[in-house]
Amino acid sequence: DLGVDYWVVNQQFTCILDAEKDQFVTIP
């Protein structure tokens, strides 16, 4: 559909961006 190789995240994961500031992002 998009004309470029794409993958689907198969397991949610979290990336801690800054532990001291409690900043993170969760990729679903």
PDB file of all heavy atoms in Angstrom:
ATOM      1  N   ASP A   1       0.807  -1.222   0.000  1.00  0.00           N
ATOM      2  CA  ASP A   1       0.000   0.000   0.000  1.00  0.00           C
ATOM      3  C   ASP A   1       0.841   1.273   0.000  1.00  0.00           C
ATOM      4  O   ASP A   1       0.473   2.270  -0.620  1.00  0.00           O
ATOM      5  CB  ASP A   1      -0.933   0.030   1.212  1.00  0.00           C
ATOM      6  CG  ASP A   1      -2.033  -1.024   1.144  1.00  0.00           C
ATOM      7  OD1 ASP A   1      -2.230  -1.637   0.067  1.00  0.00           O
ATOM      8  OD2 ASP A   1      -2.694  -1.247   2.180  1.00  0.00           O
ATOM      9  N   LEU A   2       1.975   1.260   0.711  1.00  0.00           N
ATOM     10  CA  LEU A   2       2.778   2.472   0.894  1.00  0.00           C
ATOM     11  C   LEU A   2       4.001   2.547  -0.018  1.00  0.00           C
ATOM     12  O   LEU A   2       4.645   3.579  -0.098  1.00  0.00           O
ATOM     13  CB  LEU A   2       3.192   2.595   2.360  1.00  0.00           C
ATOM     14  CG  LEU A   2       2.012   2.691   3.335  1.00  0.00           C
ATOM     15  CD1 LEU A   2       2.485   2.578   4.775  1.00  0.00           C
ATOM     16  CD2 LEU A   2       1.246   3.991   3.112  1.00  0.00           C
ATOM     17  N   GLY A   3       4.349   1.425  -0.667  1.00  0.00           N
ATOM     18  CA  GLY A   3       5.436   1.432  -1.632  1.00  0.00           C
ATOM     19  C   GLY A   3       6.841   1.411  -1.041  1.00  0.00           C
ATOM     20  O   GLY A   3       7.807   1.649  -1.750  1.00  0.00           O
ATOM     21  N   VAL A   4       6.947   1.159   0.246  1.00  0.00           N
ATOM     22  CA  VAL A   4       8.234   1.072   0.939  1.00  0.00           C
ATOM     23  C   VAL A   4       8.117  -0.087   1.912  1.00  0.00           C
ATOM     24  O   VAL A   4       7.041  -0.355   2.440  1.00  0.00           O
ATOM     25  CB  VAL A   4       8.530   2.378   1.725  1.00  0.00           C
ATOM     26  CG1 VAL A   4       9.830   2.279   2.500  1.00  0.00           C
ATOM     27  CG2 VAL A   4       8.556   3.583   0.800  1.00  0.00           C
ATOM     28  N   ASP A   5       9.231  -0.781   2.173  1.00  0.00           N
ATOM     29  CA  ASP A   5       9.187  -1.881   3.142  1.00  0.00           C
ATOM     30  C   ASP A   5       8.770  -1.378   4.523  1.00  0.00           C
ATOM     31  O   ASP A   5       9.366  -0.430   5.045  1.00  0.00           O
ATOM     32  CB  ASP A   5      10.562  -2.555   3.264  1.00  0.00           C
ATOM     33  CG  ASP A   5      10.887  -3.426   2.072  1.00  0.00           C
ATOM     34  OD1 ASP A   5       9.943  -3.911   1.405  1.00  0.00           O
ATOM     35  OD2 ASP A   5      12.076  -3.638   1.804  1.00  0.00           O
ATOM     36  N   TYR A   6       7.756  -2.021   5.094  1.00  0.00           N
ATOM     37  CA  TYR A   6       7.266  -1.679   6.426  1.00  0.00           C
ATOM     38  C   TYR A   6       7.189  -2.922   7.285  1.00  0.00           C
ATOM     39  O   TYR A   6       6.928  -4.021   6.785  1.00  0.00           O
ATOM     40  CB  TYR A   6       5.866  -1.039   6.368  1.00  0.00           C
ATOM     41  CG  TYR A   6       5.916   0.457   6.252  1.00  0.00           C
ATOM     42  CD1 TYR A   6       5.959   1.076   5.011  1.00  0.00           C
ATOM     43  CD2 TYR A   6       5.934   1.258   7.385  1.00  0.00           C
ATOM     44  CE1 TYR A   6       6.017   2.445   4.902  1.00  0.00           C
ATOM     45  CE2 TYR A   6       5.989   2.633   7.286  1.00  0.00           C
ATOM     46  CZ  TYR A   6       6.025   3.227   6.045  1.00  0.00           C
ATOM     47  OH  TYR A   6       6.086   4.583   5.939  1.00  0.00           O
ATOM     48  N   TRP A   7       7.409  -2.723   8.575  1.00  0.00           N
ATOM     49  CA  TRP A   7       7.299  -3.780   9.568  1.00  0.00           C
ATOM     50  C   TRP A   7       6.335  -3.335  10.648  1.00  0.00           C
ATOM     51  O   TRP A   7       6.143  -2.144  10.874  1.00  0.00           O
ATOM     52  CB  TRP A   7       8.666  -4.061  10.201  1.00  0.00           C
ATOM     53  CG  TRP A   7       9.616  -4.756   9.284  1.00  0.00           C
ATOM     54  CD1 TRP A   7       9.877  -6.088   9.239  1.00  0.00           C
ATOM     55  CD2 TRP A   7      10.431  -4.181   8.268  1.00  0.00           C
ATOM     56  NE1 TRP A   7      10.799  -6.376   8.259  1.00  0.00           N
ATOM     57  CE2 TRP A   7      11.159  -5.220   7.650  1.00  0.00           C
ATOM     58  CE3 TRP A   7      10.621  -2.879   7.806  1.00  0.00           C
ATOM     59  CZ2 TRP A   7      12.050  -4.989   6.618  1.00  0.00           C
ATOM     60  CZ3 TRP A   7      11.507  -2.655   6.771  1.00  0.00           C
ATOM     61  CH2 TRP A   7      12.210  -3.716   6.192  1.00  0.00           C
ATOM     62  N   VAL A   8       5.754  -4.322  11.319  1.00  0.00           N
ATOM     63  CA  VAL A   8       4.825  -4.071  12.421  1.00  0.00           C
ATOM     64  C   VAL A   8       5.500  -4.483  13.718  1.00  0.00           C
ATOM     65  O   VAL A   8       6.078  -5.574  13.809  1.00  0.00           O
ATOM     66  CB  VAL A   8       3.525  -4.900  12.239  1.00  0.00           C
ATOM     67  CG1 VAL A   8       2.575  -4.681  13.400  1.00  0.00           C
ATOM     68  CG2 VAL A   8       2.862  -4.561  10.915  1.00  0.00           C
ATOM     69  N   VAL A   9       5.436  -3.612  14.727  1.00  0.00           N
ATOM     70  CA  VAL A   9       5.968  -3.951  16.048  1.00  0.00           C
ATOM     71  C   VAL A   9       5.104  -5.070  16.610  1.00  0.00           C
ATOM     72  O   VAL A   9       3.878  -4.948  16.685  1.00  0.00           O
ATOM     73  CB  VAL A   9       5.966  -2.714  16.977  1.00  0.00           C
ATOM     74  CG1 VAL A   9       6.347  -3.092  18.396  1.00  0.00           C
ATOM     75  CG2 VAL A   9       6.900  -1.645  16.430  1.00  0.00           C
ATOM     76  N   ASN A  10       5.727  -6.179  16.969  1.00  0.00           N
ATOM     77  CA  ASN A  10       5.004  -7.362  17.432  1.00  0.00           C
ATOM     78  C   ASN A  10       4.921  -7.448  18.955  1.00  0.00           C
ATOM     79  O   ASN A  10       4.173  -8.252  19.482  1.00  0.00           O
ATOM     80  CB  ASN A  10       5.668  -8.630  16.878  1.00  0.00           C
ATOM     81  CG  ASN A  10       4.794  -9.845  17.025  1.00  0.00           C
ATOM     82  OD1 ASN A  10       3.588  -9.773  16.814  1.00  0.00           O
ATOM     83  ND2 ASN A  10       5.372 -10.962  17.397  1.00  0.00           N
ATOM     84  N   GLN A  11       5.703  -6.641  19.659  1.00  0.00           N
ATOM     85  CA  GLN A  11       5.642  -6.612  21.118  1.00  0.00           C
ATOM     86  C   GLN A  11       5.883  -5.178  21.574  1.00  0.00           C
ATOM     87  O   GLN A  11       6.891  -4.569  21.204  1.00  0.00           O
ATOM     88  CB  GLN A  11       6.709  -7.520  21.742  1.00  0.00           C
ATOM     89  CG  GLN A  11       6.755  -7.428  23.254  1.00  0.00           C
ATOM     90  CD  GLN A  11       7.857  -8.282  23.855  1.00  0.00           C
ATOM     91  OE1 GLN A  11       8.046  -9.420  23.456  1.00  0.00           O
ATOM     92  NE2 GLN A  11       8.578  -7.729  24.812  1.00  0.00           N
ATOM     93  N   GLN A  12       4.950  -4.659  22.355  1.00  0.00           N
ATOM     94  CA  GLN A  12       5.108  -3.314  22.906  1.00  0.00           C
ATOM     95  C   GLN A  12       6.425  -3.213  23.674  1.00  0.00           C
ATOM     96  O   GLN A  12       6.842  -4.163  24.322  1.00  0.00           O
ATOM     97  CB  GLN A  12       3.945  -3.036  23.849  1.00  0.00           C
ATOM     98  CG  GLN A  12       4.060  -1.725  24.607  1.00  0.00           C
ATOM     99  CD  GLN A  12       2.872  -1.493  25.499  1.00  0.00           C
ATOM    100  OE1 GLN A  12       1.764  -1.348  24.999  1.00  0.00           O
ATOM    101  NE2 GLN A  12       3.098  -1.451  26.802  1.00  0.00           N
ATOM    102  N   PHE A  13       7.068  -2.049  23.581  1.00  0.00           N
ATOM    103  CA  PHE A  13       8.260  -1.803  24.382  1.00  0.00           C
ATOM    104  C   PHE A  13       8.310  -0.336  24.779  1.00  0.00           C
ATOM    105  O   PHE A  13       7.674   0.511  24.165  1.00  0.00           O
ATOM    106  CB  PHE A  13       9.546  -2.225  23.650  1.00  0.00           C
ATOM    107  CG  PHE A  13       9.910  -1.375  22.464  1.00  0.00           C
ATOM    108  CD1 PHE A  13      10.756  -0.282  22.609  1.00  0.00           C
ATOM    109  CD2 PHE A  13       9.409  -1.661  21.200  1.00  0.00           C
ATOM    110  CE1 PHE A  13      11.107   0.495  21.521  1.00  0.00           C
ATOM    111  CE2 PHE A  13       9.753  -0.893  20.105  1.00  0.00           C
ATOM    112  CZ  PHE A  13      10.598   0.193  20.267  1.00  0.00           C
ATOM    113  N   THR A  14       9.045  -0.075  25.837  1.00  0.00           N
ATOM    114  CA  THR A  14       9.195   1.282  26.347  1.00  0.00           C
ATOM    115  C   THR A  14      10.651   1.702  26.238  1.00  0.00           C
ATOM    116  O   THR A  14      11.551   0.921  26.518  1.00  0.00           O
ATOM    117  CB  THR A  14       8.720   1.366  27.811  1.00  0.00           C
ATOM    118  OG1 THR A  14       7.327   1.049  27.850  1.00  0.00           O
ATOM    119  CG2 THR A  14       8.937   2.749  28.403  1.00  0.00           C
ATOM    120  N   CYS A  15      10.848   2.934  25.854  1.00  0.00           N
ATOM    121  CA  CYS A  15      12.176   3.531  25.790  1.00  0.00           C
ATOM    122  C   CYS A  15      12.253   4.609  26.867  1.00  0.00           C
ATOM    123  O   CYS A  15      11.464   5.563  26.857  1.00  0.00           O
ATOM    124  CB  CYS A  15      12.410   4.147  24.412  1.00  0.00           C
ATOM    125  SG  CYS A  15      13.993   5.015  24.280  1.00  0.00           S
ATOM    126  N   ILE A  16      13.173   4.424  27.800  1.00  0.00           N
ATOM    127  CA  ILE A  16      13.403   5.420  28.837  1.00  0.00           C
ATOM    128  C   ILE A  16      14.271   6.511  28.210  1.00  0.00           C
ATOM    129  O   ILE A  16      15.423   6.270  27.850  1.00  0.00           O
ATOM    130  CB  ILE A  16      14.154   4.826  30.056  1.00  0.00           C
ATOM    131  CG1 ILE A  16      13.569   3.512  30.517  1.00  0.00           C
ATOM    132  CG2 ILE A  16      14.289   5.871  31.154  1.00  0.00           C
ATOM    133  CD1 ILE A  16      12.208   3.449  31.007  1.00  0.00           C
ATOM    134  N   LEU A  17      13.708   7.692  28.073  1.00  0.00           N
ATOM    135  CA  LEU A  17      14.428   8.802  27.452  1.00  0.00           C
ATOM    136  C   LEU A  17      15.318   9.521  28.459  1.00  0.00           C
ATOM    137  O   LEU A  17      16.435   9.905  28.152  1.00  0.00           O
ATOM    138  CB  LEU A  17      13.444   9.783  26.825  1.00  0.00           C
ATOM    139  CG  LEU A  17      12.532   9.177  25.748  1.00  0.00           C
ATOM    140  CD1 LEU A  17      11.407  10.139  25.408  1.00  0.00           C
ATOM    141  CD2 LEU A  17      13.334   8.808  24.517  1.00  0.00           C
ATOM    142  N   ASP A  18      14.808   9.715  29.670  1.00  0.00           N
ATOM    143  CA  ASP A  18      15.577  10.356  30.746  1.00  0.00           C
ATOM    144  C   ASP A  18      15.011   9.851  32.069  1.00  0.00           C
ATOM    145  O   ASP A  18      13.932  10.278  32.489  1.00  0.00           O
ATOM    146  CB  ASP A  18      15.476  11.875  30.652  1.00  0.00           C
ATOM    147  CG  ASP A  18      16.414  12.599  31.604  1.00  0.00           C
ATOM    148  OD1 ASP A  18      16.619  12.106  32.740  1.00  0.00           O
ATOM    149  OD2 ASP A  18      16.927  13.660  31.216  1.00  0.00           O
ATOM    150  N   ALA A  19      15.727   8.958  32.726  1.00  0.00           N
ATOM    151  CA  ALA A  19      15.250   8.344  33.962  1.00  0.00           C
ATOM    152  C   ALA A  19      15.103   9.369  35.081  1.00  0.00           C
ATOM    153  O   ALA A  19      14.140   9.317  35.857  1.00  0.00           O
ATOM    154  CB  ALA A  19      16.191   7.220  34.391  1.00  0.00           C
ATOM    155  N   GLU A  20      16.025  10.310  35.166  1.00  0.00           N
ATOM    156  CA  GLU A  20      15.968  11.314  36.231  1.00  0.00           C
ATOM    157  C   GLU A  20      14.728  12.196  36.116  1.00  0.00           C
ATOM    158  O   GLU A  20      14.164  12.619  37.128  1.00  0.00           O
ATOM    159  CB  GLU A  20      17.229  12.175  36.212  1.00  0.00           C
ATOM    160  CG  GLU A  20      18.469  11.438  36.667  1.00  0.00           C
ATOM    161  CD  GLU A  20      19.710  12.311  36.650  1.00  0.00           C
ATOM    162  OE1 GLU A  20      19.592  13.554  36.532  1.00  0.00           O
ATOM    163  OE2 GLU A  20      20.809  11.743  36.746  1.00  0.00           O
ATOM    164  N   LYS A  21      14.314  12.482  34.902  1.00  0.00           N
ATOM    165  CA  LYS A  21      13.131  13.330  34.677  1.00  0.00           C
ATOM    166  C   LYS A  21      11.865  12.497  34.482  1.00  0.00           C
ATOM    167  O   LYS A  21      10.801  13.053  34.226  1.00  0.00           O
ATOM    168  CB  LYS A  21      13.344  14.226  33.458  1.00  0.00           C
ATOM    169  CG  LYS A  21      14.454  15.234  33.643  1.00  0.00           C
ATOM    170  CD  LYS A  21      14.602  16.078  32.394  1.00  0.00           C
ATOM    171  CE  LYS A  21      15.726  17.088  32.543  1.00  0.00           C
ATOM    172  NZ  LYS A  21      15.912  17.887  31.320  1.00  0.00           N
ATOM    173  N   ASP A  22      11.990  11.170  34.596  1.00  0.00           N
ATOM    174  CA  ASP A  22      10.870  10.254  34.369  1.00  0.00           C
ATOM    175  C   ASP A  22      10.219  10.510  33.003  1.00  0.00           C
ATOM    176  O   ASP A  22       9.012  10.656  32.886  1.00  0.00           O
ATOM    177  CB  ASP A  22       9.838  10.352  35.492  1.00  0.00           C
ATOM    178  CG  ASP A  22       8.799   9.231  35.435  1.00  0.00           C
ATOM    179  OD1 ASP A  22       9.120   8.150  34.894  1.00  0.00           O
ATOM    180  OD2 ASP A  22       7.660   9.433  35.907  1.00  0.00           O
ATOM    181  N   GLN A  23      11.065  10.548  31.973  1.00  0.00           N
ATOM    182  CA  GLN A  23      10.590  10.746  30.609  1.00  0.00           C
ATOM    183  C   GLN A  23      10.761   9.447  29.831  1.00  0.00           C
ATOM    184  O   GLN A  23      11.845   8.858  29.830  1.00  0.00           O
ATOM    185  CB  GLN A  23      11.378  11.852  29.906  1.00  0.00           C
ATOM    186  CG  GLN A  23      11.162  13.217  30.518  1.00  0.00           C
ATOM    187  CD  GLN A  23      12.014  14.276  29.858  1.00  0.00           C
ATOM    188  OE1 GLN A  23      13.094  14.008  29.348  1.00  0.00           O
ATOM    189  NE2 GLN A  23      11.527  15.505  29.882  1.00  0.00           N
ATOM    190  N   PHE A  24       9.663   9.020  29.198  1.00  0.00           N
ATOM    191  CA  PHE A  24       9.723   7.799  28.410  1.00  0.00           C
ATOM    192  C   PHE A  24       8.680   7.840  27.308  1.00  0.00           C
ATOM    193  O   PHE A  24       7.801   8.701  27.288  1.00  0.00           O
ATOM    194  CB  PHE A  24       9.543   6.555  29.292  1.00  0.00           C
ATOM    195  CG  PHE A  24       8.192   6.450  29.946  1.00  0.00           C
ATOM    196  CD1 PHE A  24       7.137   5.803  29.325  1.00  0.00           C
ATOM    197  CD2 PHE A  24       7.969   7.010  31.201  1.00  0.00           C
ATOM    198  CE1 PHE A  24       5.886   5.708  29.920  1.00  0.00           C
ATOM    199  CE2 PHE A  24       6.727   6.913  31.818  1.00  0.00           C
ATOM    200  CZ  PHE A  24       5.688   6.261  31.173  1.00  0.00           C
ATOM    201  N   VAL A  25       8.788   6.891  26.394  1.00  0.00           N
ATOM    202  CA  VAL A  25       7.803   6.712  25.339  1.00  0.00           C
ATOM    203  C   VAL A  25       7.570   5.207  25.195  1.00  0.00           C
ATOM    204  O   VAL A  25       8.509   4.419  25.275  1.00  0.00           O
ATOM    205  CB  VAL A  25       8.259   7.348  24.003  1.00  0.00           C
ATOM    206  CG1 VAL A  25       9.541   6.730  23.496  1.00  0.00           C
ATOM    207  CG2 VAL A  25       7.172   7.255  22.953  1.00  0.00           C
ATOM    208  N   THR A  26       6.324   4.830  25.020  1.00  0.00           N
ATOM    209  CA  THR A  26       5.965   3.430  24.832  1.00  0.00           C
ATOM    210  C   THR A  26       5.510   3.241  23.391  1.00  0.00           C
ATOM    211  O   THR A  26       4.603   3.934  22.926  1.00  0.00           O
ATOM    212  CB  THR A  26       4.870   2.993  25.812  1.00  0.00           C
ATOM    213  OG1 THR A  26       5.375   3.159  27.148  1.00  0.00           O
ATOM    214  CG2 THR A  26       4.464   1.547  25.591  1.00  0.00           C
ATOM    215  N   ILE A  27       6.160   2.307  22.711  1.00  0.00           N
ATOM    216  CA  ILE A  27       5.810   1.995  21.326  1.00  0.00           C
ATOM    217  C   ILE A  27       4.852   0.808  21.371  1.00  0.00           C
ATOM    218  O   ILE A  27       5.223  -0.279  21.820  1.00  0.00           O
ATOM    219  CB  ILE A  27       7.064   1.632  20.496  1.00  0.00           C
ATOM    220  CG1 ILE A  27       8.172   2.678  20.682  1.00  0.00           C
ATOM    221  CG2 ILE A  27       6.689   1.446  19.034  1.00  0.00           C
ATOM    222  CD1 ILE A  27       7.808   4.105  20.388  1.00  0.00           C
ATOM    223  N   PRO A  28       3.613   0.998  20.921  1.00  0.00           N
ATOM    224  CA  PRO A  28       2.620  -0.068  21.052  1.00  0.00           C
ATOM    225  C   PRO A  28       2.768  -1.184  20.017  1.00  0.00           C
ATOM    226  O   PRO A  28       3.296  -0.962  18.915  1.00  0.00           O
ATOM    227  CB  PRO A  28       1.295   0.671  20.842  1.00  0.00           C
ATOM    228  CG  PRO A  28       1.657   1.797  19.919  1.00  0.00           C
ATOM    229  CD  PRO A  28       3.058   2.206  20.311  1.00  0.00           C
TER     230      PRO A  28
END
